[in-house]
Amino acid sequence: MAEHNDLGRLGEDLAEKYLLNKGYQILDRNWIWQKKELDIVTIKDDILVVVEVKSRSTAYFEHPADAITLSKIKFLVRATQAYVDLKEIKQEVRFDVISVLKNGNTYDIEHIEDAFIAPVD
């Protein structure tokens, strides 16, 4: 379990560094709502961008981005709405996914902008 947590933390660190290098402003990281979290909350080009980070040591079973289920998407949308309400955010919201995949001694980063649309319940 500790290795899984270490990889997740490393993936988020790499994703944050990647986003900063691309000109994103980090607002929050690991923001907790109802015992779950938003991995990274950023602003870029006056858009609030909520980034879900998925890290894997191998893509053998599935690509990291494929681990985001409909129930996870619904949670992210609800948590983001709570974030927007609490912080009184007025910007448009976008959901991105960053996949971090171990490749030998390095890590491949894939950034999927506008990865999904908020579902209507």
Protein backbone atom coordinates (compact mmCIF):
# COMPACT_ATOMS: atom_id res chain seq x y z
CA MET A 1 0.00 0.00 0.00
CA ALA A 2 2.82 2.41 0.77
CA GLU A 3 4.31 2.03 -2.73
CA HIS A 4 0.91 2.85 -4.26
CA ASN A 5 0.65 6.00 -2.10
CA ASP A 6 4.24 6.98 -2.97
CA LEU A 7 3.54 6.60 -6.70
CA GLY A 8 0.35 8.65 -6.39
CA ARG A 9 2.14 11.44 -4.53
CA LEU A 10 5.02 11.39 -7.03
CA GLY A 11 2.51 11.50 -9.90
CA GLU A 12 0.81 14.53 -8.39
CA ASP A 13 4.19 16.23 -7.85
CA LEU A 14 5.13 15.62 -11.49
CA ALA A 15 1.71 16.78 -12.70
CA GLU A 16 1.97 19.97 -10.63
CA LYS A 17 5.44 20.72 -12.01
CA TYR A 18 4.17 20.06 -15.54
CA LEU A 19 1.20 22.41 -15.05
CA LEU A 20 3.37 25.17 -13.58
CA ASN A 21 5.71 24.89 -16.58
CA LYS A 22 2.67 25.29 -18.87
CA GLY A 23 1.61 28.50 -17.12
CA TYR A 24 -1.14 27.17 -14.85
CA GLN A 25 -1.61 28.82 -11.46
CA ILE A 26 -2.11 26.21 -8.73
CA LEU A 27 -4.94 27.18 -6.36
CA ASP A 28 -5.23 23.99 -4.31
CA ARG A 29 -3.88 20.48 -4.15
CA ASN A 30 -5.58 17.53 -2.46
CA TRP A 31 -8.64 19.61 -1.59
CA ILE A 32 -10.88 17.42 0.59
CA TRP A 33 -14.66 17.26 0.30
CA GLN A 34 -16.76 14.49 1.88
CA LYS A 35 -13.71 12.27 2.49
CA LYS A 36 -12.66 12.49 -1.15
CA GLU A 37 -10.34 14.91 -2.86
CA LEU A 38 -9.77 17.06 -5.88
CA ASP A 39 -6.17 16.33 -6.85
CA ILE A 40 -5.18 19.71 -8.33
CA VAL A 41 -7.25 22.86 -8.80
CA THR A 42 -5.75 25.45 -11.14
CA ILE A 43 -6.50 28.57 -13.15
CA LYS A 44 -5.36 29.00 -16.75
CA ASP A 45 -6.61 31.61 -19.21
CA ASP A 46 -9.33 32.65 -16.74
CA ILE A 47 -10.74 29.09 -16.61
CA LEU A 48 -10.91 27.05 -13.41
CA VAL A 49 -9.30 23.72 -14.28
CA VAL A 50 -9.83 20.71 -12.04
CA VAL A 51 -7.16 18.11 -12.75
CA GLU A 52 -7.54 14.45 -11.85
CA VAL A 53 -4.13 12.75 -11.73
CA LYS A 54 -3.84 9.03 -12.39
CA SER A 55 -0.47 7.35 -11.91
CA ARG A 56 0.48 3.81 -12.80
CA SER A 57 3.67 1.78 -12.74
CA THR A 58 2.50 -0.04 -15.90
CA ALA A 59 -0.20 0.26 -18.56
CA TYR A 60 -0.47 -3.53 -18.74
CA PHE A 61 -3.97 -3.70 -17.23
CA GLU A 62 -5.32 -0.31 -18.34
CA HIS A 63 -4.22 3.15 -19.30
CA PRO A 64 -4.30 5.40 -16.21
CA ALA A 65 -6.97 7.70 -17.70
CA ASP A 66 -9.26 4.69 -18.23
CA ALA A 67 -9.51 4.32 -14.44
CA ILE A 68 -11.85 7.30 -14.26
CA THR A 69 -15.33 5.82 -13.98
CA LEU A 70 -18.70 7.52 -14.34
CA SER A 71 -19.14 7.45 -10.55
CA LYS A 72 -15.72 9.16 -10.18
CA ILE A 73 -16.75 11.79 -12.73
CA LYS A 74 -20.00 12.45 -10.87
CA PHE A 75 -18.08 12.83 -7.61
CA LEU A 76 -15.59 15.22 -9.22
CA VAL A 77 -18.45 17.34 -10.53
CA ARG A 78 -20.17 17.48 -7.11
CA ALA A 79 -16.92 18.26 -5.31
CA THR A 80 -16.07 20.93 -7.86
CA GLN A 81 -19.48 22.53 -7.37
CA ALA A 82 -18.81 22.61 -3.61
CA TYR A 83 -15.40 24.18 -4.29
CA VAL A 84 -16.91 26.80 -6.62
CA ASP A 85 -19.64 27.65 -4.11
CA LEU A 86 -17.29 27.83 -1.13
CA LYS A 87 -14.66 29.94 -2.91
CA GLU A 88 -17.26 31.98 -4.82
CA ILE A 89 -15.60 31.17 -8.14
CA LYS A 90 -17.10 32.89 -11.18
CA GLN A 91 -14.91 31.37 -13.90
CA GLU A 92 -15.89 28.71 -16.39
CA VAL A 93 -14.87 25.21 -15.23
CA ARG A 94 -12.98 22.57 -17.18
CA PHE A 95 -12.02 19.03 -16.18
CA ASP A 96 -8.61 17.69 -17.25
CA VAL A 97 -6.87 14.40 -16.65
CA ILE A 98 -3.14 13.92 -16.32
CA SER A 99 -1.83 10.39 -16.67
CA VAL A 100 1.59 9.63 -15.24
CA LEU A 101 3.01 6.31 -16.44
CA LYS A 102 6.33 4.88 -15.27
CA ASN A 103 8.60 4.11 -18.20
CA GLY A 104 11.78 2.51 -16.88
CA ASN A 105 13.51 5.17 -14.80
CA THR A 106 11.41 8.02 -16.21
CA TYR A 107 7.75 8.97 -16.29
CA ASP A 108 5.58 9.75 -19.30
CA ILE A 109 3.02 12.50 -18.75
CA GLU A 110 -0.11 12.78 -20.86
CA HIS A 111 -2.38 15.79 -20.37
CA ILE A 112 -5.94 15.41 -21.61
CA GLU A 113 -7.61 18.81 -21.63
CA ASP A 114 -11.40 18.96 -21.35
CA ALA A 115 -11.36 15.23 -20.64
CA PHE A 116 -15.07 14.98 -19.90
CA ILE A 117 -18.25 16.99 -19.73
CA ALA A 118 -20.17 17.18 -16.45
CA PRO A 119 -23.03 14.67 -16.73
CA VAL A 120 -26.59 15.81 -16.15
CA ASP A 121 -28.22 13.85 -13.32
